[in-house]
């Protein structure tokens, strides 16, 4: 393998590692940021089109935190619906009663309907780290160093 190609692959692996690690860091930060669970009253449900074949539900709700009445909205966690008819059917099954939501106690306007650990992002970040470390191992083990005078 030529040296420029190897350098390109190392830079590509490093870029992939930093991109995946940044993504994992942001998702982990969002996960640990949601530290308090409160009861919310659902005001409204609606269907949102994410892409041409992905639909999801959005809930608008009100909740009380530290004697302040706040309102927010958030998307319901995946799985996504393949068409608007399936999303509307799921919408008819949703209730307008109280649900538990997660909030950030330092910024109570940051909310989420569900708190899910980002296993996949962390896994991708670790795999990209292993690939990057493998390239450094190959460089040290199999690529001869140039002798300088």
Protein backbone atom coordinates (compact mmCIF):
# COMPACT_ATOMS: atom_id res chain seq x y z
CA UNK A 1 0.00 0.00 0.00
CA UNK A 2 1.34 3.41 -0.90
CA UNK A 3 2.10 5.95 1.80
CA UNK A 4 -0.33 8.63 0.48
CA UNK A 5 -3.15 6.10 0.41
CA UNK A 6 -2.34 4.99 3.95
CA UNK A 7 -2.27 8.62 5.16
CA UNK A 8 -5.63 9.22 3.48
CA UNK A 9 -7.11 6.18 5.24
CA UNK A 10 -5.74 7.32 8.61
CA UNK A 11 -7.21 10.81 8.14
CA UNK A 12 -10.50 9.27 7.03
CA UNK A 13 -10.58 7.00 10.10
CA UNK A 14 -9.69 9.94 12.36
CA UNK A 15 -12.43 12.07 10.84
CA UNK A 16 -14.93 9.25 11.27
CA UNK A 17 -13.84 8.79 14.88
CA UNK A 18 -14.19 12.50 15.73
CA UNK A 19 -17.56 12.73 13.97
CA UNK A 20 -18.97 9.64 15.72
CA UNK A 21 -17.48 10.66 19.08
CA UNK A 22 -18.98 14.13 18.82
CA UNK A 23 -22.35 12.63 18.00
CA UNK A 24 -22.09 10.19 20.93
CA UNK A 25 -20.99 12.98 23.28
CA UNK A 26 -23.99 15.15 22.38
CA UNK A 27 -26.42 12.27 22.81
CA UNK A 28 -24.85 11.28 26.13
CA UNK A 29 -25.01 14.89 27.29
CA UNK A 30 -28.70 15.03 26.38
CA UNK A 31 -29.28 11.73 28.19
CA UNK A 32 -27.60 12.75 31.45
CA UNK A 33 -29.06 16.23 31.27
CA UNK A 34 -32.58 14.84 31.70
CA UNK A 35 -32.45 14.23 35.44
CA UNK A 36 -35.97 14.81 36.76
CA UNK A 37 -39.24 13.14 35.93
CA UNK A 38 -42.51 15.08 36.26
CA UNK A 39 -46.13 14.48 35.36
CA UNK A 40 -47.42 16.32 32.30
CA UNK A 41 -50.93 16.84 30.96
CA UNK A 42 -51.11 16.21 27.22
CA UNK A 43 -52.85 19.06 25.38
CA UNK A 44 -52.53 17.95 21.79
CA UNK A 45 -51.20 15.17 19.57
CA UNK A 46 -50.21 15.70 15.95
CA UNK A 47 -48.59 13.78 13.10
CA UNK A 48 -45.24 15.06 11.78
CA UNK A 49 -43.65 14.04 8.49
CA UNK A 50 -39.92 13.49 9.04
CA UNK A 51 -39.23 12.39 5.45
CA UNK A 52 -41.21 11.00 2.54
CA UNK A 53 -41.69 7.64 4.26
CA UNK A 54 -41.19 8.48 7.93
CA UNK A 55 -43.92 9.83 10.15
CA UNK A 56 -43.87 10.39 13.88
CA UNK A 57 -46.11 11.78 16.60
CA UNK A 58 -45.57 15.08 18.40
CA UNK A 59 -47.13 15.72 21.80
CA UNK A 60 -47.82 19.19 23.20
CA UNK A 61 -48.08 19.17 26.97
CA UNK A 62 -48.13 21.27 30.12
CA UNK A 63 -46.33 20.49 33.35
CA UNK A 64 -45.54 22.10 36.69
CA UNK A 65 -41.99 22.37 37.99
CA UNK A 66 -41.06 24.36 41.11
CA UNK A 67 -44.52 25.95 41.16
CA UNK A 68 -44.17 27.22 37.60
CA UNK A 69 -46.55 26.10 34.90
CA UNK A 70 -44.59 25.36 31.73
CA UNK A 71 -45.50 23.98 28.35
CA UNK A 72 -43.49 22.21 25.72
CA UNK A 73 -43.70 19.72 22.90
CA UNK A 74 -41.57 16.80 21.85
CA UNK A 75 -41.49 13.95 19.41
CA UNK A 76 -42.40 10.49 20.53
CA UNK A 77 -39.40 8.19 20.31
CA UNK A 78 -39.10 5.87 17.28
CA UNK A 79 -40.23 3.48 15.77
CA UNK A 80 -41.39 5.67 12.92
CA UNK A 81 -44.52 5.05 10.89
CA UNK A 82 -44.24 4.32 7.17
CA UNK A 83 -47.27 6.40 6.16
CA UNK A 84 -49.57 9.04 7.57
CA UNK A 85 -52.49 6.60 7.89
CA UNK A 86 -50.56 4.38 10.31
CA UNK A 87 -49.48 7.45 12.27
CA UNK A 88 -53.09 8.66 12.48
CA UNK A 89 -54.18 5.22 13.68
CA UNK A 90 -51.56 5.34 16.43
CA UNK A 91 -52.67 8.89 17.18
CA UNK A 92 -56.20 7.66 17.88
CA UNK A 93 -54.79 5.20 20.43
CA UNK A 94 -52.90 7.91 22.34
CA UNK A 95 -54.61 9.33 25.38
CA UNK A 96 -54.90 12.89 26.58
CA UNK A 97 -54.34 11.90 30.18
CA UNK A 98 -51.21 12.48 32.23
CA UNK A 99 -47.85 11.13 31.11
CA UNK A 100 -44.46 11.22 32.79
CA UNK A 101 -41.85 13.28 31.01
CA UNK A 102 -38.17 13.94 31.64
CA UNK A 103 -36.84 17.46 32.21
CA UNK A 104 -33.54 19.16 32.92
CA UNK A 105 -33.83 20.55 36.45
CA UNK A 106 -31.43 23.42 35.69
CA UNK A 107 -33.31 24.36 32.48
CA UNK A 108 -36.89 23.08 32.85
CA UNK A 109 -37.81 24.05 29.30
CA UNK A 110 -35.59 21.20 27.99
CA UNK A 111 -37.87 18.15 28.00
CA UNK A 112 -38.32 14.74 26.43
CA UNK A 113 -41.09 12.16 26.41
CA UNK A 114 -38.60 9.31 26.80
CA UNK A 115 -35.07 8.97 28.11
CA UNK A 116 -33.14 6.41 26.10
CA UNK A 117 -29.44 5.65 26.46
CA UNK A 118 -27.59 6.12 23.12
CA UNK A 119 -26.10 2.63 22.87
CA UNK A 120 -25.73 2.72 19.10
CA UNK A 121 -23.86 6.04 18.98
CA UNK A 122 -21.48 4.96 21.73
CA UNK A 123 -20.93 1.63 19.95
CA UNK A 124 -20.16 3.36 16.63
CA UNK A 125 -17.76 5.69 18.40
CA UNK A 126 -15.92 2.79 20.02
CA UNK A 127 -15.75 0.86 16.73
CA UNK A 128 -14.30 3.90 14.94
CA UNK A 129 -11.73 4.25 17.75
CA UNK A 130 -10.72 0.60 17.29
CA UNK A 131 -10.31 1.16 13.54
CA UNK A 132 -8.18 4.26 14.15
CA UNK A 133 -6.01 2.44 16.70
CA UNK A 134 -5.64 -0.45 14.25
CA UNK A 135 -4.23 1.93 11.65
CA UNK A 136 -1.70 3.25 14.17
CA UNK A 137 -0.78 -0.34 15.08
CA UNK A 138 -0.26 -1.19 11.41
CA UNK A 139 1.84 1.93 10.94
CA UNK A 140 4.14 1.06 13.85
CA UNK A 141 4.32 -2.64 13.12
CA UNK A 142 4.49 -2.96 9.35
CA UNK A 143 5.45 0.34 7.76
CA UNK A 144 9.18 0.96 7.94
CA UNK A 145 10.35 4.33 9.19
CA UNK A 146 12.43 6.43 6.89
CA UNK A 147 15.99 6.79 8.08
CA UNK A 148 17.13 10.34 8.52
CA UNK A 149 20.71 11.42 8.47
